[in-house]
Structure formats: structure tokens, C-alpha cells
Amino acid sequence: MKTLILSLILFNSLFSQGMYLSKENGLSLGFMYGGNKDGSKLSFAASYSLLGFVDLSYARSTFLDEENTNNFQNEYFIRAYILKEKIPIFFSGSFGYVYQKTETELWNNFPLTVTQEGLAYEMGLHLSATKDQKAPRIIASFIYRYFNPEETIRVPAATITDKKIIRSLIFEAAIIYYFSQIGIVFGPRIVLDNNFEYYLYGFNLTFMFRH
């Protein structure tokens, strides 16, 4: 049961690429592995950036455990950046659709399915140590996420639906290396989730292709 709860509340944790580009388009593929004392989470994401100011992204993740739990999470987001070319401190805002599903058996022949789906919103503050893309860059980000899903619990004899409010704080640091049109981004991330009651820590790796 603990794994069921964690698989629902722990959000995806992947870098957004637009903050690392300067008035250029880019395609990125990213991976994240993280967890806490109760288990681990594996994520994959793909995104496309328009001139470094708007990101369109898709991400999928799953919570890994030793129990017989089948779970996944899909995220579809659009993100825009403000004041990115003016000062080393810039901002971002985003919204998207999140769908989470977890299936397990509480005991023999008694399955339980829980889904959460709805809109999520983010506001981010980003600090850039340098704007020189010929040298390694370091960017630190602080992101607040608000998720208002509809939660549906299904068991053989009943279906229960309710609305939830889930708030999260995300802290990440990224080091970016550029090799011609290819960029590599990596660094740690910490997520305070489920109204800041649970945590997830992990490591991100993203490959960018600029054009």
C-alpha cells in the first residue's frame, strides 16, 4: 500500500531545455533516476524548444518496487520563459495535463485501480551563472507546481471519485556542456511532493540537439 501511495504522488523530474538555449530551436531527450527510502523512480522525456522561449514536452515515468504494482505517469506540458535574454535571473510559467494510473491487488482476486488526471501549473525562478555558451554553464532553478487532479478509486464492488490538490516544490541544479550543435545537461534534483510531505531526490541526464 505504501508503494501505491508513493507511485501516485511522486511527480516526474526532468529538465526543461529552453532555459539552456539562446534564440535557437532544439530537440532534447532526457532521463532521470531517483527515489527515496521506499523505492525508486525512472523517467523519460522528449521536448522541442521554439527559439529557446517556448517548450513543448512529453514525459513518462514509473515507480519501481518489489511489490506487484503496475503504474505509470504521462505528462504533456507547454512552457514559456520571461526575461531570459535580459538578466541572469529569469522566470518561466507552464501548464499541462497529467495522467497517473496505478494497479495492484490488495489480496487474492481483489484488484485495486487508482487514477489521477487533470491540469497542472508551474512557476519557476532560474539563476544563470553565465550566458557564455562556449563554456560550461550552471543554472539553478526553483519551481512551484500546483496539480488539481480528479482521483478515481476502483475496486470490484465500488468506484469512488474525488478532487485533490497537490502542491510541490522542485529544486534543481544543472551543468551544461556544448559540443558544436550538441549539448549535454546533467545535475541533481530534489522534489518536495504531496503538499511538501514526501521527498524524491535524483539525477537527470539530457541530450540536446540545437539548430
N, C-alpha and C. Protein backbone atom coordinates (compact mmCIF):
# COMPACT_ATOMS: atom_id res chain seq x y z
N MET A 1 0.82 -1.21 0.00
CA MET A 1 0.00 0.00 0.00
C MET A 1 0.86 1.27 0.00
N LYS A 2 1.99 1.22 0.71
CA LYS A 2 2.88 2.37 0.72
C LYS A 2 3.38 2.69 -0.69
N THR A 3 3.74 1.65 -1.44
CA THR A 3 4.19 1.85 -2.81
C THR A 3 3.09 2.44 -3.68
N LEU A 4 1.85 1.99 -3.48
CA LEU A 4 0.72 2.54 -4.23
C LEU A 4 0.61 4.03 -4.01
N ILE A 5 0.70 4.47 -2.77
CA ILE A 5 0.59 5.90 -2.47
C ILE A 5 1.74 6.67 -3.07
N LEU A 6 2.97 6.17 -2.93
CA LEU A 6 4.13 6.88 -3.44
C LEU A 6 4.11 6.99 -4.95
N SER A 7 3.67 5.94 -5.63
CA SER A 7 3.66 5.97 -7.09
C SER A 7 2.70 7.01 -7.61
N LEU A 8 1.70 7.38 -6.84
CA LEU A 8 0.75 8.39 -7.27
C LEU A 8 1.22 9.81 -6.99
N ILE A 9 1.92 10.01 -5.89
CA ILE A 9 2.21 11.39 -5.50
C ILE A 9 3.55 11.91 -6.02
N LEU A 10 4.47 11.03 -6.41
CA LEU A 10 5.79 11.49 -6.81
C LEU A 10 5.78 11.89 -8.28
N PHE A 11 6.02 13.18 -8.52
CA PHE A 11 5.97 13.71 -9.87
C PHE A 11 7.22 13.36 -10.67
N ASN A 12 7.08 13.55 -11.95
CA ASN A 12 8.22 13.40 -12.84
C ASN A 12 9.28 14.46 -12.51
N SER A 13 10.53 14.18 -12.87
CA SER A 13 11.62 15.07 -12.51
C SER A 13 12.63 15.15 -13.65
N LEU A 14 12.33 15.99 -14.62
CA LEU A 14 13.21 16.12 -15.78
C LEU A 14 13.43 17.57 -16.14
N PHE A 15 14.64 17.87 -16.64
CA PHE A 15 14.96 19.23 -17.02
C PHE A 15 14.11 19.70 -18.20
N SER A 16 13.85 21.00 -18.26
CA SER A 16 13.27 21.63 -19.44
C SER A 16 14.41 22.27 -20.22
N GLN A 17 14.41 22.13 -21.53
CA GLN A 17 15.60 22.50 -22.28
C GLN A 17 15.66 23.96 -22.70
N GLY A 18 14.50 24.65 -22.79
CA GLY A 18 14.50 26.01 -23.30
C GLY A 18 15.41 26.95 -22.54
N MET A 19 15.57 26.73 -21.25
CA MET A 19 16.40 27.62 -20.44
C MET A 19 17.88 27.51 -20.79
N TYR A 20 18.27 26.48 -21.56
CA TYR A 20 19.67 26.30 -21.92
C TYR A 20 19.98 26.73 -23.34
N LEU A 21 18.98 27.24 -24.07
CA LEU A 21 19.16 27.64 -25.46
C LEU A 21 19.06 29.15 -25.60
N SER A 22 19.71 29.69 -26.64
CA SER A 22 19.71 31.13 -26.88
C SER A 22 19.20 31.41 -28.29
N LYS A 23 17.91 31.77 -28.40
CA LYS A 23 17.27 32.13 -29.67
C LYS A 23 17.53 31.09 -30.75
N GLU A 24 17.40 29.82 -30.40
CA GLU A 24 17.60 28.73 -31.34
C GLU A 24 16.63 27.61 -31.00
N ASN A 25 16.31 26.81 -32.00
CA ASN A 25 15.43 25.67 -31.78
C ASN A 25 16.24 24.49 -31.26
N GLY A 26 15.55 23.57 -30.61
CA GLY A 26 16.27 22.42 -30.08
C GLY A 26 15.36 21.25 -29.79
N LEU A 27 15.90 20.06 -29.96
CA LEU A 27 15.21 18.82 -29.62
C LEU A 27 16.01 18.13 -28.52
N SER A 28 15.34 17.63 -27.51
CA SER A 28 16.07 17.01 -26.40
C SER A 28 15.44 15.69 -26.00
N LEU A 29 16.29 14.81 -25.49
CA LEU A 29 15.88 13.53 -24.90
C LEU A 29 16.50 13.46 -23.51
N GLY A 30 15.68 13.17 -22.52
CA GLY A 30 16.19 13.19 -21.15
C GLY A 30 15.80 11.95 -20.37
N PHE A 31 16.62 11.66 -19.34
CA PHE A 31 16.39 10.52 -18.47
C PHE A 31 16.60 10.95 -17.03
N MET A 32 15.84 10.37 -16.13
CA MET A 32 16.01 10.66 -14.71
C MET A 32 15.84 9.38 -13.90
N TYR A 33 16.72 9.21 -12.93
CA TYR A 33 16.59 8.10 -11.99
C TYR A 33 16.71 8.66 -10.58
N GLY A 34 15.74 8.32 -9.74
CA GLY A 34 15.78 8.84 -8.38
C GLY A 34 14.91 8.01 -7.48
N GLY A 35 14.73 8.48 -6.26
CA GLY A 35 13.89 7.76 -5.32
C GLY A 35 14.09 8.25 -3.90
N ASN A 36 13.68 7.41 -2.97
CA ASN A 36 13.87 7.66 -1.55
C ASN A 36 13.95 6.31 -0.85
N LYS A 37 13.77 6.26 0.44
CA LYS A 37 13.96 5.01 1.18
C LYS A 37 12.91 3.95 0.84
N ASP A 38 11.81 4.36 0.20
CA ASP A 38 10.73 3.42 -0.08
C ASP A 38 10.75 2.85 -1.49
N GLY A 39 11.62 3.37 -2.36
CA GLY A 39 11.65 2.86 -3.72
C GLY A 39 12.34 3.83 -4.65
N SER A 40 12.25 3.55 -5.95
CA SER A 40 12.92 4.40 -6.93
C SER A 40 11.98 4.70 -8.09
N LYS A 41 12.33 5.71 -8.87
CA LYS A 41 11.50 6.14 -9.99
C LYS A 41 12.37 6.37 -11.21
N LEU A 42 11.89 5.88 -12.36
CA LEU A 42 12.61 6.02 -13.62
C LEU A 42 11.74 6.82 -14.58
N SER A 43 12.33 7.83 -15.25
CA SER A 43 11.58 8.72 -16.13
C SER A 43 12.30 8.92 -17.44
N PHE A 44 11.50 9.19 -18.46
CA PHE A 44 11.99 9.52 -19.80
C PHE A 44 11.19 10.70 -20.31
N ALA A 45 11.85 11.63 -21.03
CA ALA A 45 11.14 12.79 -21.56
C ALA A 45 11.72 13.20 -22.91
N ALA A 46 10.87 13.76 -23.74
CA ALA A 46 11.27 14.33 -25.02
C ALA A 46 10.62 15.70 -25.14
N SER A 47 11.35 16.68 -25.65
CA SER A 47 10.79 18.02 -25.79
C SER A 47 11.37 18.72 -27.00
N TYR A 48 10.61 19.71 -27.47
CA TYR A 48 11.06 20.55 -28.58
C TYR A 48 10.93 22.00 -28.15
N SER A 49 11.99 22.78 -28.38
CA SER A 49 12.01 24.18 -27.98
C SER A 49 11.98 25.08 -29.21
N LEU A 50 11.12 26.09 -29.18
CA LEU A 50 11.00 27.07 -30.26
C LEU A 50 11.75 28.33 -29.87
N LEU A 51 12.90 28.54 -30.52
CA LEU A 51 13.75 29.72 -30.28
C LEU A 51 14.15 29.88 -28.82
N GLY A 52 14.12 28.81 -28.05
CA GLY A 52 14.54 28.86 -26.66
C GLY A 52 13.58 29.55 -25.73
N PHE A 53 12.39 29.92 -26.21
CA PHE A 53 11.43 30.64 -25.37
C PHE A 53 10.16 29.85 -25.09
N VAL A 54 9.86 28.83 -25.87
CA VAL A 54 8.67 28.02 -25.65
C VAL A 54 9.05 26.55 -25.79
N ASP A 55 8.68 25.73 -24.80
CA ASP A 55 8.95 24.29 -24.82
C ASP A 55 7.65 23.53 -24.95
N LEU A 56 7.67 22.50 -25.79
CA LEU A 56 6.59 21.52 -25.87
C LEU A 56 7.18 20.19 -25.44
N SER A 57 6.62 19.54 -24.43
CA SER A 57 7.28 18.36 -23.88
C SER A 57 6.31 17.25 -23.53
N TYR A 58 6.85 16.04 -23.57
CA TYR A 58 6.14 14.84 -23.12
C TYR A 58 7.07 14.05 -22.21
N ALA A 59 6.53 13.53 -21.12
CA ALA A 59 7.34 12.74 -20.20
C ALA A 59 6.54 11.54 -19.70
N ARG A 60 7.24 10.45 -19.48
CA ARG A 60 6.62 9.23 -18.94
C ARG A 60 7.54 8.68 -17.85
N SER A 61 6.93 8.23 -16.77
CA SER A 61 7.72 7.70 -15.67
C SER A 61 6.98 6.56 -14.99
N THR A 62 7.74 5.77 -14.23
CA THR A 62 7.16 4.66 -13.47
C THR A 62 7.90 4.52 -12.16
N PHE A 63 7.18 4.08 -11.14
CA PHE A 63 7.75 3.86 -9.82
C PHE A 63 8.14 2.38 -9.71
N LEU A 64 9.38 2.11 -9.35
CA LEU A 64 9.89 0.74 -9.29
C LEU A 64 9.86 0.23 -7.86
N ASP A 65 9.32 -0.99 -7.67
CA ASP A 65 9.23 -1.54 -6.33
C ASP A 65 9.31 -3.06 -6.39
N GLU A 66 9.28 -3.69 -5.22
CA GLU A 66 9.33 -5.14 -5.13
C GLU A 66 7.94 -5.75 -5.05
N GLU A 67 6.91 -4.92 -4.98
CA GLU A 67 5.54 -5.42 -4.90
C GLU A 67 4.98 -5.62 -6.32
N ASN A 68 3.83 -6.22 -6.39
CA ASN A 68 3.18 -6.48 -7.68
C ASN A 68 2.34 -5.25 -8.07
N THR A 69 3.02 -4.14 -8.37
CA THR A 69 2.35 -2.90 -8.67
C THR A 69 2.65 -2.48 -10.11
N ASN A 70 1.61 -2.20 -10.86
CA ASN A 70 1.74 -1.71 -12.22
C ASN A 70 1.34 -0.24 -12.23
N ASN A 71 2.28 0.64 -12.58
CA ASN A 71 1.96 2.07 -12.52
C ASN A 71 2.73 2.82 -13.59
N PHE A 72 2.16 3.94 -14.02
CA PHE A 72 2.85 4.83 -14.94
C PHE A 72 2.26 6.22 -14.82
N GLN A 73 2.98 7.19 -15.34
CA GLN A 73 2.54 8.58 -15.33
C GLN A 73 2.94 9.24 -16.65
N ASN A 74 2.00 9.92 -17.29
CA ASN A 74 2.25 10.68 -18.51
C ASN A 74 2.03 12.15 -18.25
N GLU A 75 2.93 12.99 -18.80
CA GLU A 75 2.81 14.45 -18.68
C GLU A 75 2.97 15.09 -20.05
N TYR A 76 2.09 16.06 -20.34
CA TYR A 76 2.16 16.84 -21.58
C TYR A 76 2.16 18.31 -21.17
N PHE A 77 3.25 19.04 -21.48
CA PHE A 77 3.40 20.40 -20.97
C PHE A 77 3.81 21.37 -22.07
N ILE A 78 3.39 22.64 -21.88
CA ILE A 78 3.90 23.76 -22.66
C ILE A 78 4.44 24.78 -21.67
N ARG A 79 5.66 25.27 -21.95
CA ARG A 79 6.35 26.16 -21.01
C ARG A 79 6.93 27.35 -21.75
N ALA A 80 6.82 28.54 -21.16
CA ALA A 80 7.37 29.77 -21.76
C ALA A 80 8.28 30.46 -20.76
N TYR A 81 9.28 31.20 -21.29
CA TYR A 81 10.28 31.88 -20.46
C TYR A 81 10.15 33.40 -20.62
N ILE A 82 10.40 34.12 -19.51
CA ILE A 82 10.29 35.57 -19.48
C ILE A 82 11.62 36.16 -19.03
N LEU A 83 12.06 37.23 -19.71
CA LEU A 83 13.30 37.96 -19.37
C LEU A 83 14.54 37.08 -19.49
N LYS A 84 14.47 36.07 -20.31
CA LYS A 84 15.57 35.10 -20.39
C LYS A 84 16.84 35.70 -20.99
N GLU A 85 16.73 36.66 -21.90
CA GLU A 85 17.89 37.24 -22.56
C GLU A 85 18.34 38.56 -21.94
N LYS A 86 17.67 38.99 -20.88
CA LYS A 86 17.96 40.32 -20.32
C LYS A 86 18.88 40.27 -19.11
N ILE A 87 18.58 39.44 -18.17
CA ILE A 87 19.32 39.43 -16.90
C ILE A 87 19.62 37.98 -16.51
N PRO A 88 20.58 37.75 -15.60
CA PRO A 88 20.89 36.38 -15.20
C PRO A 88 19.79 35.72 -14.38
N ILE A 89 18.81 36.50 -13.92
CA ILE A 89 17.65 35.93 -13.23
C ILE A 89 16.47 36.02 -14.18
N PHE A 90 15.85 34.88 -14.51
CA PHE A 90 14.70 34.90 -15.39
C PHE A 90 13.63 33.95 -14.86
N PHE A 91 12.46 33.98 -15.49
CA PHE A 91 11.29 33.29 -14.97
C PHE A 91 10.67 32.40 -16.04
N SER A 92 9.85 31.45 -15.59
CA SER A 92 9.12 30.59 -16.52
C SER A 92 7.74 30.31 -15.96
N GLY A 93 6.83 30.02 -16.87
CA GLY A 93 5.48 29.61 -16.49
C GLY A 93 5.04 28.50 -17.41
N SER A 94 4.27 27.54 -16.90
CA SER A 94 3.86 26.41 -17.72
C SER A 94 2.53 25.84 -17.23
N PHE A 95 1.89 25.11 -18.12
CA PHE A 95 0.71 24.35 -17.75
C PHE A 95 0.68 23.09 -18.59
N GLY A 96 0.00 22.07 -18.08
CA GLY A 96 -0.05 20.83 -18.82
C GLY A 96 -1.05 19.86 -18.23
N TYR A 97 -1.15 18.71 -18.88
CA TYR A 97 -2.08 17.66 -18.48
C TYR A 97 -1.28 16.48 -17.95
N VAL A 98 -1.69 15.96 -16.80
CA VAL A 98 -1.00 14.85 -16.15
C VAL A 98 -1.99 13.70 -15.94
N TYR A 99 -1.56 12.49 -16.31
CA TYR A 99 -2.38 11.29 -16.10
C TYR A 99 -1.53 10.25 -15.38
N GLN A 100 -2.03 9.76 -14.26
CA GLN A 100 -1.34 8.74 -13.48
C GLN A 100 -2.27 7.56 -13.25
N LYS A 101 -1.73 6.34 -13.33
CA LYS A 101 -2.54 5.15 -13.09
C LYS A 101 -1.71 4.12 -12.33
N THR A 102 -2.33 3.54 -11.31
CA THR A 102 -1.67 2.50 -10.51
C THR A 102 -2.64 1.34 -10.32
N GLU A 103 -2.16 0.12 -10.58
CA GLU A 103 -2.96 -1.09 -10.41
C GLU A 103 -2.22 -2.06 -9.51
N THR A 104 -2.95 -2.65 -8.57
CA THR A 104 -2.36 -3.64 -7.68
C THR A 104 -3.46 -4.55 -7.15
N GLU A 105 -3.09 -5.59 -6.42
CA GLU A 105 -4.05 -6.47 -5.75
C GLU A 105 -3.86 -6.33 -4.25
N LEU A 106 -4.93 -5.94 -3.56
CA LEU A 106 -4.85 -5.84 -2.11
C LEU A 106 -4.75 -7.23 -1.48
N TRP A 107 -5.48 -8.19 -2.07
CA TRP A 107 -5.36 -9.61 -1.73
C TRP A 107 -5.86 -10.40 -2.92
N ASN A 108 -5.87 -11.71 -2.84
CA ASN A 108 -6.20 -12.54 -4.00
C ASN A 108 -7.57 -12.18 -4.57
N ASN A 109 -7.59 -11.95 -5.89
CA ASN A 109 -8.82 -11.67 -6.63
C ASN A 109 -9.55 -10.42 -6.14
N PHE A 110 -8.78 -9.48 -5.59
CA PHE A 110 -9.38 -8.20 -5.19
C PHE A 110 -8.48 -7.08 -5.71
N PRO A 111 -8.64 -6.74 -7.00
CA PRO A 111 -7.78 -5.70 -7.60
C PRO A 111 -8.19 -4.30 -7.17
N LEU A 112 -7.24 -3.42 -7.17
CA LEU A 112 -7.46 -2.00 -6.87
C LEU A 112 -6.80 -1.18 -7.97
N THR A 113 -7.55 -0.24 -8.54
CA THR A 113 -7.03 0.66 -9.56
C THR A 113 -7.28 2.10 -9.11
N VAL A 114 -6.24 2.91 -9.16
CA VAL A 114 -6.35 4.32 -8.80
C VAL A 114 -5.81 5.16 -9.95
N THR A 115 -6.59 6.13 -10.40
CA THR A 115 -6.12 7.06 -11.43
C THR A 115 -6.24 8.48 -10.92
N GLN A 116 -5.33 9.32 -11.36
CA GLN A 116 -5.38 10.75 -11.11
C GLN A 116 -5.10 11.45 -12.43
N GLU A 117 -5.96 12.38 -12.80
CA GLU A 117 -5.76 13.11 -14.04
C GLU A 117 -6.32 14.52 -13.91
N GLY A 118 -5.62 15.46 -14.57
CA GLY A 118 -6.06 16.85 -14.52
C GLY A 118 -4.96 17.79 -14.96
N LEU A 119 -5.22 19.08 -14.81
CA LEU A 119 -4.26 20.10 -15.21
C LEU A 119 -3.28 20.41 -14.09
N ALA A 120 -2.06 20.70 -14.48
CA ALA A 120 -1.02 21.11 -13.53
C ALA A 120 -0.41 22.42 -14.02
N TYR A 121 0.03 23.27 -13.09
CA TYR A 121 0.60 24.57 -13.40
C TYR A 121 1.92 24.72 -12.67
N GLU A 122 2.86 25.41 -13.30
CA GLU A 122 4.17 25.63 -12.69
C GLU A 122 4.61 27.08 -12.85
N MET A 123 5.34 27.58 -11.85
CA MET A 123 6.03 28.87 -11.93
C MET A 123 7.47 28.64 -11.49
N GLY A 124 8.44 29.14 -12.27
CA GLY A 124 9.83 28.88 -11.96
C GLY A 124 10.68 30.13 -11.89
N LEU A 125 11.67 30.12 -11.02
CA LEU A 125 12.70 31.14 -10.91
C LEU A 125 14.02 30.49 -11.23
N HIS A 126 14.79 31.08 -12.17
CA HIS A 126 16.02 30.46 -12.65
C HIS A 126 17.19 31.44 -12.51
N LEU A 127 18.32 30.94 -12.04
CA LEU A 127 19.53 31.74 -11.82
C LEU A 127 20.64 31.19 -12.69
N SER A 128 21.15 32.03 -13.60
CA SER A 128 22.20 31.61 -14.53
C SER A 128 23.53 32.23 -14.11
N ALA A 129 24.55 31.39 -13.95
CA ALA A 129 25.85 31.89 -13.55
C ALA A 129 26.57 32.61 -14.69
N THR A 130 26.30 32.20 -15.94
CA THR A 130 26.93 32.83 -17.09
C THR A 130 26.08 32.62 -18.32
N LYS A 131 26.19 33.49 -19.30
CA LYS A 131 25.46 33.35 -20.56
C LYS A 131 26.38 32.93 -21.70
N ASP A 132 27.62 32.62 -21.43
CA ASP A 132 28.57 32.21 -22.45
C ASP A 132 28.34 30.75 -22.78
N GLN A 133 27.81 30.46 -23.97
CA GLN A 133 27.51 29.08 -24.33
C GLN A 133 28.73 28.33 -24.85
N LYS A 134 29.88 28.97 -24.93
CA LYS A 134 31.09 28.27 -25.32
C LYS A 134 31.78 27.63 -24.14
N ALA A 135 31.37 27.97 -22.96
CA ALA A 135 31.95 27.42 -21.74
C ALA A 135 30.87 26.68 -20.97
N PRO A 136 31.22 25.79 -20.05
CA PRO A 136 30.19 25.15 -19.24
C PRO A 136 29.35 26.20 -18.50
N ARG A 137 28.05 25.97 -18.47
CA ARG A 137 27.14 26.87 -17.77
C ARG A 137 26.54 26.16 -16.57
N ILE A 138 26.15 26.96 -15.58
CA ILE A 138 25.48 26.43 -14.40
C ILE A 138 24.20 27.22 -14.20
N ILE A 139 23.08 26.52 -14.09
CA ILE A 139 21.79 27.15 -13.86
C ILE A 139 21.10 26.45 -12.69
N ALA A 140 20.64 27.24 -11.72
CA ALA A 140 19.87 26.72 -10.60
C ALA A 140 18.42 27.16 -10.75
N SER A 141 17.49 26.26 -10.44
CA SER A 141 16.07 26.56 -10.63
C SER A 141 15.28 26.19 -9.39
N PHE A 142 14.24 27.01 -9.13
CA PHE A 142 13.29 26.79 -8.05
C PHE A 142 11.90 26.84 -8.67
N ILE A 143 11.15 25.74 -8.58
CA ILE A 143 9.89 25.61 -9.30
C ILE A 143 8.78 25.23 -8.33
N TYR A 144 7.64 25.92 -8.45
CA TYR A 144 6.44 25.59 -7.67
C TYR A 144 5.41 24.98 -8.61
N ARG A 145 4.86 23.83 -8.24
CA ARG A 145 3.85 23.17 -9.08
C ARG A 145 2.55 23.00 -8.30
N TYR A 146 1.44 23.27 -9.01
CA TYR A 146 0.10 23.10 -8.46
C TYR A 146 -0.65 22.12 -9.34
N PHE A 147 -1.11 21.02 -8.77
CA PHE A 147 -1.80 19.96 -9.52
C PHE A 147 -3.16 19.74 -8.90
N ASN A 148 -4.22 19.83 -9.71
CA ASN A 148 -5.59 19.69 -9.22
C ASN A 148 -6.29 18.54 -9.96
N PRO A 149 -5.94 17.30 -9.62
CA PRO A 149 -6.48 16.15 -10.38
C PRO A 149 -7.82 15.67 -9.84
N GLU A 150 -8.49 14.92 -10.70
CA GLU A 150 -9.64 14.12 -10.27
C GLU A 150 -9.12 12.72 -10.00
N GLU A 151 -9.36 12.23 -8.80
CA GLU A 151 -8.88 10.92 -8.39
C GLU A 151 -10.04 9.92 -8.41
N THR A 152 -9.83 8.78 -9.06
CA THR A 152 -10.83 7.73 -9.14
C THR A 152 -10.26 6.44 -8.57
N ILE A 153 -10.95 5.86 -7.59
CA ILE A 153 -10.54 4.61 -6.96
C ILE A 153 -11.57 3.55 -7.35
N ARG A 154 -11.08 2.45 -7.95
CA ARG A 154 -11.97 1.37 -8.40
C ARG A 154 -11.59 0.06 -7.72
N VAL A 155 -12.59 -0.57 -7.13
CA VAL A 155 -12.49 -1.93 -6.60
C VAL A 155 -13.67 -2.71 -7.18
N PRO A 156 -13.68 -4.05 -7.05
CA PRO A 156 -14.74 -4.82 -7.71
C PRO A 156 -16.16 -4.37 -7.38
N ALA A 157 -16.39 -3.83 -6.19
CA ALA A 157 -17.76 -3.52 -5.77
C ALA A 157 -18.09 -2.03 -5.79
N ALA A 158 -17.11 -1.17 -6.09
CA ALA A 158 -17.40 0.26 -5.97
C ALA A 158 -16.40 1.09 -6.76
N THR A 159 -16.83 2.32 -7.07
CA THR A 159 -15.97 3.33 -7.69
C THR A 159 -16.15 4.64 -6.93
N ILE A 160 -15.05 5.22 -6.49
CA ILE A 160 -15.10 6.46 -5.73
C ILE A 160 -14.30 7.52 -6.47
N THR A 161 -14.89 8.71 -6.65
CA THR A 161 -14.23 9.82 -7.35
C THR A 161 -14.17 11.04 -6.45
N ASP A 162 -13.03 11.72 -6.47
CA ASP A 162 -12.85 12.89 -5.62
C ASP A 162 -11.86 13.84 -6.30
N LYS A 163 -11.89 15.10 -5.91
CA LYS A 163 -10.93 16.09 -6.39
C LYS A 163 -9.83 16.28 -5.36
N LYS A 164 -8.59 16.46 -5.86
CA LYS A 164 -7.43 16.63 -4.99
C LYS A 164 -6.71 17.93 -5.32
N ILE A 165 -5.93 18.40 -4.37
CA ILE A 165 -4.99 19.49 -4.59
C ILE A 165 -3.62 19.01 -4.13
N ILE A 166 -2.65 18.99 -5.04
CA ILE A 166 -1.30 18.52 -4.72
C ILE A 166 -0.32 19.62 -5.10
N ARG A 167 0.43 20.10 -4.14
CA ARG A 167 1.44 21.14 -4.37
C ARG A 167 2.83 20.55 -4.19
N SER A 168 3.76 21.06 -5.00
CA SER A 168 5.13 20.54 -4.97
C SER A 168 6.13 21.68 -5.10
N LEU A 169 7.31 21.48 -4.51
CA LEU A 169 8.46 22.36 -4.71
C LEU A 169 9.58 21.54 -5.32
N ILE A 170 10.20 22.09 -6.37
CA ILE A 170 11.26 21.40 -7.09
C ILE A 170 12.51 22.26 -7.08
N PHE A 171 13.63 21.69 -6.66
CA PHE A 171 14.92 22.37 -6.65
C PHE A 171 15.86 21.59 -7.55
N GLU A 172 16.49 22.26 -8.51
CA GLU A 172 17.40 21.56 -9.40
C GLU A 172 18.61 22.42 -9.74
N ALA A 173 19.71 21.77 -10.01
CA ALA A 173 20.92 22.45 -10.49
C ALA A 173 21.38 21.71 -11.73
N ALA A 174 21.85 22.46 -12.72
CA ALA A 174 22.25 21.85 -13.99
C ALA A 174 23.59 22.40 -14.45
N ILE A 175 24.43 21.51 -14.95
CA ILE A 175 25.67 21.89 -15.62
C ILE A 175 25.49 21.55 -17.09
N ILE A 176 25.78 22.53 -17.96
CA ILE A 176 25.53 22.35 -19.39
C ILE A 176 26.85 22.46 -20.14
N TYR A 177 27.15 21.44 -20.96
CA TYR A 177 28.31 21.46 -21.84
C TYR A 177 27.82 21.47 -23.29
N TYR A 178 28.47 22.28 -24.13
CA TYR A 178 28.12 22.37 -25.54
C TYR A 178 29.27 21.82 -26.39
N PHE A 179 28.91 20.95 -27.33
CA PHE A 179 29.86 20.42 -28.30
C PHE A 179 29.27 20.67 -29.68
N SER A 180 29.64 21.82 -30.29
CA SER A 180 29.04 22.24 -31.55
C SER A 180 27.53 22.35 -31.37
N GLN A 181 26.73 21.60 -32.12
CA GLN A 181 25.27 21.69 -32.03
C GLN A 181 24.67 20.73 -31.00
N ILE A 182 25.51 20.00 -30.30
CA ILE A 182 25.03 19.05 -29.29
C ILE A 182 25.33 19.59 -27.91
N GLY A 183 24.37 19.47 -27.02
CA GLY A 183 24.55 19.88 -25.64
C GLY A 183 24.23 18.73 -24.70
N ILE A 184 24.94 18.67 -23.59
CA ILE A 184 24.70 17.66 -22.56
C ILE A 184 24.42 18.39 -21.25
N VAL A 185 23.31 18.02 -20.62
CA VAL A 185 22.88 18.65 -19.37
C VAL A 185 22.78 17.56 -18.30
N PHE A 186 23.35 17.82 -17.13
CA PHE A 186 23.21 16.85 -16.05
C PHE A 186 23.26 17.57 -14.71
N GLY A 187 22.70 16.94 -13.71
CA GLY A 187 22.71 17.53 -12.38
C GLY A 187 21.65 16.92 -11.48
N PRO A 188 21.64 17.31 -10.20
CA PRO A 188 20.71 16.74 -9.22
C PRO A 188 19.38 17.48 -9.18
N ARG A 189 18.39 16.81 -8.64
CA ARG A 189 17.08 17.43 -8.42
C ARG A 189 16.47 16.87 -7.15
N ILE A 190 15.80 17.74 -6.38
CA ILE A 190 15.07 17.34 -5.18
C ILE A 190 13.63 17.84 -5.30
N VAL A 191 12.67 16.94 -5.03
CA VAL A 191 11.25 17.29 -5.12
C VAL A 191 10.61 17.09 -3.76
N LEU A 192 9.94 18.13 -3.27
CA LEU A 192 9.10 18.03 -2.07
C LEU A 192 7.67 17.93 -2.57
N ASP A 193 7.05 16.77 -2.39
CA ASP A 193 5.78 16.48 -3.06
C ASP A 193 4.64 16.27 -2.07
N ASN A 194 3.43 16.07 -2.63
CA ASN A 194 2.21 15.82 -1.85
C ASN A 194 2.05 16.84 -0.74
N ASN A 195 1.99 18.13 -1.15
CA ASN A 195 1.89 19.25 -0.21
C ASN A 195 3.09 19.27 0.74
N PHE A 196 4.27 18.95 0.17
CA PHE A 196 5.58 19.06 0.82
C PHE A 196 5.81 18.01 1.91
N GLU A 197 5.03 16.91 1.90
CA GLU A 197 5.17 15.89 2.94
C GLU A 197 6.14 14.78 2.54
N TYR A 198 6.34 14.54 1.24
CA TYR A 198 7.23 13.49 0.77
C TYR A 198 8.34 14.10 -0.07
N TYR A 199 9.43 13.40 -0.20
CA TYR A 199 10.56 13.91 -0.97
C TYR A 199 11.03 12.85 -1.96
N LEU A 200 11.62 13.34 -3.03
CA LEU A 200 12.26 12.49 -4.05
C LEU A 200 13.55 13.18 -4.45
N TYR A 201 14.65 12.45 -4.46
CA TYR A 201 15.91 13.01 -4.93
C TYR A 201 16.43 12.13 -6.05
N GLY A 202 17.06 12.78 -7.03
CA GLY A 202 17.53 12.00 -8.17
C GLY A 202 18.53 12.75 -9.00
N PHE A 203 18.84 12.17 -10.16
CA PHE A 203 19.86 12.71 -11.06
C PHE A 203 19.30 12.70 -12.48
N ASN A 204 19.47 13.83 -13.19
CA ASN A 204 18.99 13.98 -14.55
C ASN A 204 20.13 13.97 -15.56
N LEU A 205 19.85 13.42 -16.73
CA LEU A 205 20.79 13.47 -17.86
C LEU A 205 19.99 13.75 -19.11
N THR A 206 20.35 14.83 -19.84
CA THR A 206 19.60 15.25 -21.02
C THR A 206 20.58 15.51 -22.16
N PHE A 207 20.19 15.09 -23.37
CA PHE A 207 20.96 15.35 -24.58
C PHE A 207 20.15 16.30 -25.46
N MET A 208 20.78 17.41 -25.90
CA MET A 208 20.11 18.42 -26.73
C MET A 208 20.74 18.46 -28.11
N PHE A 209 19.90 18.71 -29.10
CA PHE A 209 20.35 18.88 -30.48
C PHE A 209 19.84 20.23 -30.96
N ARG A 210 20.74 21.20 -31.13
CA ARG A 210 20.36 22.57 -31.47
C ARG A 210 20.39 22.79 -32.98
N HIS A 211 19.48 23.65 -33.44
CA HIS A 211 19.50 24.02 -34.88
C HIS A 211 18.81 25.37 -35.09
